[in-house]
Amino acid sequence: MSHSKRSTNEPNSTSTLLEEPGVLVAKKHHLLVRWSHWLNVPILLGVILSGISIYWASPIYRHKPDPITGNFDAAADIGIWICAHVPGLHHYSSPPDWIYNHTSLGTGMLALALRLHWLCAYLFMLNGMVYVAGLIMGGGWRSLLPRRTDLFDALRMLRYYLGVPFAKLTHTASGCILVSTQNTTRCSVQRTFPFR
């Protein structure tokens, strides 16, 4: 009976990835959870920018005049400073509007800014519902449930931080942090590197 040698690059019946042997990718979160997590970035950016636009466009928010320029608008003063000190912007057509033109919707657009702000807020809430649906469908909701030891550990940490009954930390040569109280001593964190 002849034995044939199998090469190391040839897949066998138990391999999971053909591209890189030895690399196992575990999908921990459902696709909806991953997508909704990263979708929060542009949605919250929209909320922030539209909120700044509301602040700048609303006639309610009037500031004291600047003692040097006499201007009521701090953002306009910042735009003037940027155009005066940043190379290439010395000939900008309207320096007081530089901040408004580059970071938001501009002045006097309160209605549009409010509409965009509420749209982004509703999208944020809808995205939260998609996130919860992904948690339920992927089984990630189980990691949100408290474990049996959580209450005991929380009370132990509260007791430590309150100093009752005068708990203290000591370091051992093996890198173990000992939490000592009057009755017990236990290793809290095992370090793999020595303390300095």
C-alpha atoms as a PDB file:
ATOM      1  CA  MET A   1       0.000   0.000   0.000  1.00  0.00           C
ATOM      2  CA  SER A   2       1.546   3.303  -1.042  1.00  0.00           C
ATOM      3  CA  HIS A   3       1.187   6.449   1.022  1.00  0.00           C
ATOM      4  CA  SER A   4       0.951   9.727  -0.815  1.00  0.00           C
ATOM      5  CA  LYS A   5       2.210  12.873   0.829  1.00  0.00           C
ATOM      6  CA  ARG A   6      -0.176  15.813   0.936  1.00  0.00           C
ATOM      7  CA  SER A   7       1.377  19.260   0.506  1.00  0.00           C
ATOM      8  CA  THR A   8       0.903  21.800   3.276  1.00  0.00           C
ATOM      9  CA  ASN A   9      -0.868  24.285   0.985  1.00  0.00           C
ATOM     10  CA  GLU A  10      -3.468  21.785  -0.177  1.00  0.00           C
ATOM     11  CA  PRO A  11      -6.764  22.184   1.686  1.00  0.00           C
ATOM     12  CA  ASN A  12      -8.107  19.282   3.673  1.00  0.00           C
ATOM     13  CA  SER A  13     -11.658  18.603   4.780  1.00  0.00           C
ATOM     14  CA  THR A  14     -11.306  20.543   8.038  1.00  0.00           C
ATOM     15  CA  SER A  15      -9.825  23.780   6.657  1.00  0.00           C
ATOM     16  CA  THR A  16     -12.023  26.851   6.782  1.00  0.00           C
ATOM     17  CA  LEU A  17     -10.034  29.465   4.870  1.00  0.00           C
ATOM     18  CA  LEU A  18      -8.201  28.680   1.686  1.00  0.00           C
ATOM     19  CA  GLU A  19      -6.446  32.051   1.308  1.00  0.00           C
ATOM     20  CA  GLU A  20      -4.316  32.067   4.452  1.00  0.00           C
ATOM     21  CA  PRO A  21      -3.841  28.880   6.409  1.00  0.00           C
ATOM     22  CA  GLY A  22      -3.772  29.371  10.157  1.00  0.00           C
ATOM     23  CA  VAL A  23      -6.075  32.424  10.150  1.00  0.00           C
ATOM     24  CA  LEU A  24      -9.565  31.887  11.474  1.00  0.00           C
ATOM     25  CA  VAL A  25     -12.018  34.763  11.229  1.00  0.00           C
ATOM     26  CA  ALA A  26     -14.852  34.590  13.712  1.00  0.00           C
ATOM     27  CA  LYS A  27     -17.859  36.740  12.984  1.00  0.00           C
ATOM     28  CA  LYS A  28     -18.783  37.952  16.420  1.00  0.00           C
ATOM     29  CA  HIS A  29     -21.537  40.397  15.482  1.00  0.00           C
ATOM     30  CA  HIS A  30     -24.430  40.205  13.066  1.00  0.00           C
ATOM     31  CA  LEU A  31     -24.137  42.175   9.808  1.00  0.00           C
ATOM     32  CA  LEU A  32     -26.885  44.596  10.913  1.00  0.00           C
ATOM     33  CA  VAL A  33     -24.995  45.346  14.122  1.00  0.00           C
ATOM     34  CA  ARG A  34     -21.778  46.084  12.233  1.00  0.00           C
ATOM     35  CA  TRP A  35     -23.459  48.257   9.599  1.00  0.00           C
ATOM     36  CA  SER A  36     -25.590  50.214  12.046  1.00  0.00           C
ATOM     37  CA  HIS A  37     -22.579  50.775  14.290  1.00  0.00           C
ATOM     38  CA  TRP A  38     -20.609  52.493  11.522  1.00  0.00           C
ATOM     39  CA  LEU A  39     -23.663  54.238  10.093  1.00  0.00           C
ATOM     40  CA  ASN A  40     -23.763  56.249  13.309  1.00  0.00           C
ATOM     41  CA  VAL A  41     -20.689  58.231  12.193  1.00  0.00           C
ATOM     42  CA  PRO A  42     -22.254  60.116   9.234  1.00  0.00           C
ATOM     43  CA  ILE A  43     -25.611  60.408  10.993  1.00  0.00           C
ATOM     44  CA  LEU A  44     -24.101  61.989  14.092  1.00  0.00           C
ATOM     45  CA  LEU A  45     -21.909  64.217  11.937  1.00  0.00           C
ATOM     46  CA  GLY A  46     -25.111  65.430  10.245  1.00  0.00           C
ATOM     47  CA  VAL A  47     -26.711  66.066  13.643  1.00  0.00           C
ATOM     48  CA  ILE A  48     -23.673  68.051  14.798  1.00  0.00           C
ATOM     49  CA  LEU A  49     -23.323  70.151  11.630  1.00  0.00           C
ATOM     50  CA  SER A  50     -27.023  70.904  11.394  1.00  0.00           C
ATOM     51  CA  GLY A  51     -27.033  71.796  15.108  1.00  0.00           C
ATOM     52  CA  ILE A  52     -24.191  74.250  14.532  1.00  0.00           C
ATOM     53  CA  SER A  53     -26.163  75.677  11.613  1.00  0.00           C
ATOM     54  CA  ILE A  54     -29.213  76.107  13.847  1.00  0.00           C
ATOM     55  CA  TYR A  55     -27.087  77.864  16.413  1.00  0.00           C
ATOM     56  CA  TRP A  56     -25.569  80.201  13.826  1.00  0.00           C
ATOM     57  CA  ALA A  57     -28.810  80.887  11.937  1.00  0.00           C
ATOM     58  CA  SER A  58     -31.140  81.445  14.867  1.00  0.00           C
ATOM     59  CA  PRO A  59     -31.826  85.081  15.771  1.00  0.00           C
ATOM     60  CA  ILE A  60     -32.124  84.085  19.437  1.00  0.00           C
ATOM     61  CA  TYR A  61     -28.407  83.520  19.888  1.00  0.00           C
ATOM     62  CA  ARG A  62     -26.829  86.969  19.896  1.00  0.00           C
ATOM     63  CA  HIS A  63     -23.499  87.489  21.612  1.00  0.00           C
ATOM     64  CA  LYS A  64     -21.898  90.534  23.180  1.00  0.00           C
ATOM     65  CA  PRO A  65     -19.767  92.445  20.693  1.00  0.00           C
ATOM     66  CA  ASP A  66     -16.089  91.648  20.535  1.00  0.00           C
ATOM     67  CA  PRO A  67     -14.144  94.432  22.296  1.00  0.00           C
ATOM     68  CA  ILE A  68     -11.535  94.623  19.506  1.00  0.00           C
ATOM     69  CA  THR A  69     -13.592  94.254  16.321  1.00  0.00           C
ATOM     70  CA  GLY A  70     -17.021  95.272  17.611  1.00  0.00           C
ATOM     71  CA  ASN A  71     -18.495  92.270  15.785  1.00  0.00           C
ATOM     72  CA  PHE A  72     -21.386  90.288  17.290  1.00  0.00           C
ATOM     73  CA  ASP A  73     -20.443  87.103  15.438  1.00  0.00           C
ATOM     74  CA  ALA A  74     -17.518  85.104  16.861  1.00  0.00           C
ATOM     75  CA  ALA A  75     -17.525  82.718  13.877  1.00  0.00           C
ATOM     76  CA  ALA A  76     -17.087  85.661  11.513  1.00  0.00           C
ATOM     77  CA  ASP A  77     -14.111  86.846  13.566  1.00  0.00           C
ATOM     78  CA  ILE A  78     -12.576  83.359  13.323  1.00  0.00           C
ATOM     79  CA  GLY A  79     -13.107  83.400   9.542  1.00  0.00           C
ATOM     80  CA  ILE A  80     -11.429  86.803   9.291  1.00  0.00           C
ATOM     81  CA  TRP A  81      -8.470  85.530  11.331  1.00  0.00           C
ATOM     82  CA  ILE A  82      -8.162  82.359   9.207  1.00  0.00           C
ATOM     83  CA  CYS A  83      -8.213  84.350   5.961  1.00  0.00           C
ATOM     84  CA  ALA A  84      -5.604  86.768   7.324  1.00  0.00           C
ATOM     85  CA  HIS A  85      -3.173  84.132   8.620  1.00  0.00           C
ATOM     86  CA  VAL A  86      -3.509  81.038   6.404  1.00  0.00           C
ATOM     87  CA  PRO A  87      -1.423  81.201   3.214  1.00  0.00           C
ATOM     88  CA  GLY A  88      -3.513  81.216   0.066  1.00  0.00           C
ATOM     89  CA  LEU A  89      -6.637  82.645   1.693  1.00  0.00           C
ATOM     90  CA  HIS A  90      -5.608  86.320   1.740  1.00  0.00           C
ATOM     91  CA  HIS A  91      -7.776  87.091  -1.285  1.00  0.00           C
ATOM     92  CA  TYR A  92     -10.900  85.208  -0.126  1.00  0.00           C
ATOM     93  CA  SER A  93     -13.980  87.095  -1.309  1.00  0.00           C
ATOM     94  CA  SER A  94     -15.789  87.270   2.051  1.00  0.00           C
ATOM     95  CA  PRO A  95     -13.604  86.434   5.079  1.00  0.00           C
ATOM     96  CA  PRO A  96     -16.449  86.724   7.652  1.00  0.00           C
ATOM     97  CA  ASP A  97     -18.341  83.967   5.811  1.00  0.00           C
ATOM     98  CA  TRP A  98     -15.376  81.563   5.571  1.00  0.00           C
ATOM     99  CA  ILE A  99     -16.431  79.446   8.605  1.00  0.00           C
ATOM    100  CA  TYR A 100     -20.054  79.331   7.459  1.00  0.00           C
ATOM    101  CA  ASN A 101     -19.149  78.372   3.910  1.00  0.00           C
ATOM    102  CA  HIS A 102     -16.774  75.582   4.947  1.00  0.00           C
ATOM    103  CA  THR A 103     -18.421  73.972   7.974  1.00  0.00           C
ATOM    104  CA  SER A 104     -22.190  74.338   7.728  1.00  0.00           C
ATOM    105  CA  LEU A 105     -25.181  75.436   5.737  1.00  0.00           C
ATOM    106  CA  GLY A 106     -24.507  79.126   6.212  1.00  0.00           C
ATOM    107  CA  THR A 107     -26.273  81.983   7.921  1.00  0.00           C
ATOM    108  CA  GLY A 108     -29.985  82.606   7.657  1.00  0.00           C
ATOM    109  CA  MET A 109     -30.917  79.005   6.827  1.00  0.00           C
ATOM    110  CA  LEU A 110     -32.720  78.164  10.050  1.00  0.00           C
ATOM    111  CA  ALA A 111     -35.631  76.232   8.491  1.00  0.00           C
ATOM    112  CA  LEU A 112     -33.390  74.035   6.358  1.00  0.00           C
ATOM    113  CA  ALA A 113     -31.027  73.425   9.277  1.00  0.00           C
ATOM    114  CA  LEU A 114     -33.939  72.427  11.531  1.00  0.00           C
ATOM    115  CA  ARG A 115     -35.289  70.027   8.898  1.00  0.00           C
ATOM    116  CA  LEU A 116     -31.892  68.391   8.430  1.00  0.00           C
ATOM    117  CA  HIS A 117     -31.379  68.189  12.184  1.00  0.00           C
ATOM    118  CA  TRP A 118     -34.684  66.401  12.718  1.00  0.00           C
ATOM    119  CA  LEU A 119     -34.065  64.132   9.720  1.00  0.00           C
ATOM    120  CA  CYS A 120     -30.709  63.068  11.158  1.00  0.00           C
ATOM    121  CA  ALA A 121     -32.280  62.592  14.598  1.00  0.00           C
ATOM    122  CA  TYR A 122     -34.972  60.301  13.166  1.00  0.00           C
ATOM    123  CA  LEU A 123     -32.358  58.401  11.150  1.00  0.00           C
ATOM    124  CA  PHE A 124     -30.357  57.970  14.356  1.00  0.00           C
ATOM    125  CA  MET A 125     -33.396  56.494  16.119  1.00  0.00           C
ATOM    126  CA  LEU A 126     -34.162  54.217  13.149  1.00  0.00           C
ATOM    127  CA  ASN A 127     -30.523  53.112  13.118  1.00  0.00           C
ATOM    128  CA  GLY A 128     -30.843  52.258  16.817  1.00  0.00           C
ATOM    129  CA  MET A 129     -33.821  50.013  16.031  1.00  0.00           C
ATOM    130  CA  VAL A 130     -31.818  48.298  13.275  1.00  0.00           C
ATOM    131  CA  TYR A 131     -29.005  47.777  15.797  1.00  0.00           C
ATOM    132  CA  VAL A 132     -31.397  46.157  18.291  1.00  0.00           C
ATOM    133  CA  ALA A 133     -32.840  43.958  15.526  1.00  0.00           C
ATOM    134  CA  GLY A 134     -29.306  42.846  14.640  1.00  0.00           C
ATOM    135  CA  LEU A 135     -28.612  42.071  18.303  1.00  0.00           C
ATOM    136  CA  ILE A 136     -31.740  39.933  18.494  1.00  0.00           C
ATOM    137  CA  MET A 137     -31.169  38.132  15.188  1.00  0.00           C
ATOM    138  CA  GLY A 138     -27.473  37.494  15.839  1.00  0.00           C
ATOM    139  CA  GLY A 139     -27.868  36.462  19.473  1.00  0.00           C
ATOM    140  CA  GLY A 140     -25.738  39.345  20.730  1.00  0.00           C
ATOM    141  CA  TRP A 141     -28.413  40.283  23.253  1.00  0.00           C
ATOM    142  CA  ARG A 142     -27.121  37.499  25.507  1.00  0.00           C
ATOM    143  CA  SER A 143     -23.893  39.399  26.168  1.00  0.00           C
ATOM    144  CA  LEU A 144     -25.935  42.332  27.492  1.00  0.00           C
ATOM    145  CA  LEU A 145     -27.578  40.255  30.196  1.00  0.00           C
ATOM    146  CA  PRO A 146     -25.977  40.409  33.643  1.00  0.00           C
ATOM    147  CA  ARG A 147     -24.053  37.343  34.783  1.00  0.00           C
ATOM    148  CA  ARG A 148     -24.439  35.729  38.189  1.00  0.00           C
ATOM    149  CA  THR A 149     -21.145  37.133  39.429  1.00  0.00           C
ATOM    150  CA  ASP A 150     -21.759  40.727  38.284  1.00  0.00           C
ATOM    151  CA  LEU A 151     -23.597  41.879  41.405  1.00  0.00           C
ATOM    152  CA  PHE A 152     -21.046  40.308  43.731  1.00  0.00           C
ATOM    153  CA  ASP A 153     -18.140  41.804  41.755  1.00  0.00           C
ATOM    154  CA  ALA A 154     -19.800  45.238  41.674  1.00  0.00           C
ATOM    155  CA  LEU A 155     -20.313  45.177  45.437  1.00  0.00           C
ATOM    156  CA  ARG A 156     -16.718  44.067  45.940  1.00  0.00           C
ATOM    157  CA  MET A 157     -15.423  46.933  43.787  1.00  0.00           C
ATOM    158  CA  LEU A 158     -17.700  49.415  45.584  1.00  0.00           C
ATOM    159  CA  ARG A 159     -16.316  48.174  48.886  1.00  0.00           C
ATOM    160  CA  TYR A 160     -12.774  48.575  47.593  1.00  0.00           C
ATOM    161  CA  TYR A 161     -13.298  52.115  46.272  1.00  0.00           C
ATOM    162  CA  LEU A 162     -15.078  53.203  49.433  1.00  0.00           C
ATOM    163  CA  GLY A 163     -12.211  51.775  51.475  1.00  0.00           C
ATOM    164  CA  VAL A 164     -14.457  49.568  53.592  1.00  0.00           C
ATOM    165  CA  PRO A 165     -12.947  47.864  55.546  1.00  0.00           C
ATOM    166  CA  PHE A 166      -9.771  49.613  54.421  1.00  0.00           C
ATOM    167  CA  ALA A 167      -8.855  47.474  51.427  1.00  0.00           C
ATOM    168  CA  LYS A 168      -5.412  48.024  49.940  1.00  0.00           C
ATOM    169  CA  LEU A 169      -3.478  47.021  46.848  1.00  0.00           C
ATOM    170  CA  THR A 170      -0.128  45.282  47.034  1.00  0.00           C
ATOM    171  CA  HIS A 171       2.100  44.110  44.188  1.00  0.00           C
ATOM    172  CA  THR A 172       3.874  40.777  44.313  1.00  0.00           C
ATOM    173  CA  ALA A 173       7.057  39.773  42.535  1.00  0.00           C
ATOM    174  CA  SER A 174       5.073  37.566  40.149  1.00  0.00           C
ATOM    175  CA  GLY A 175       3.105  40.588  38.911  1.00  0.00           C
ATOM    176  CA  CYS A 176      -0.082  39.755  40.756  1.00  0.00           C
ATOM    177  CA  ILE A 177      -2.046  42.632  42.286  1.00  0.00           C
ATOM    178  CA  LEU A 178      -3.389  41.548  45.647  1.00  0.00           C
ATOM    179  CA  VAL A 179      -6.559  43.110  46.970  1.00  0.00           C
ATOM    180  CA  SER A 180      -6.344  42.776  50.727  1.00  0.00           C
ATOM    181  CA  THR A 181      -9.067  43.435  53.227  1.00  0.00           C
ATOM    182  CA  GLN A 182      -9.301  42.468  56.868  1.00  0.00           C
ATOM    183  CA  ASN A 183     -10.678  39.011  56.084  1.00  0.00           C
ATOM    184  CA  THR A 184      -9.456  38.074  52.611  1.00  0.00           C
ATOM    185  CA  THR A 185      -6.541  38.425  50.224  1.00  0.00           C
ATOM    186  CA  ARG A 186      -6.938  37.508  46.582  1.00  0.00           C
ATOM    187  CA  CYS A 187      -5.134  38.018  43.272  1.00  0.00           C
ATOM    188  CA  SER A 188      -7.138  40.566  41.291  1.00  0.00           C
ATOM    189  CA  VAL A 189      -5.136  40.979  38.068  1.00  0.00           C
ATOM    190  CA  GLN A 190      -2.401  38.736  36.757  1.00  0.00           C
ATOM    191  CA  ARG A 191       0.199  40.737  34.806  1.00  0.00           C
ATOM    192  CA  THR A 192       2.476  39.239  32.193  1.00  0.00           C
ATOM    193  CA  PHE A 193       5.117  41.949  32.597  1.00  0.00           C
ATOM    194  CA  PRO A 194       6.917  43.116  35.741  1.00  0.00           C
ATOM    195  CA  PHE A 195       5.981  46.325  37.503  1.00  0.00           C
ATOM    196  CA  ARG A 196       8.519  49.117  37.518  1.00  0.00           C
END
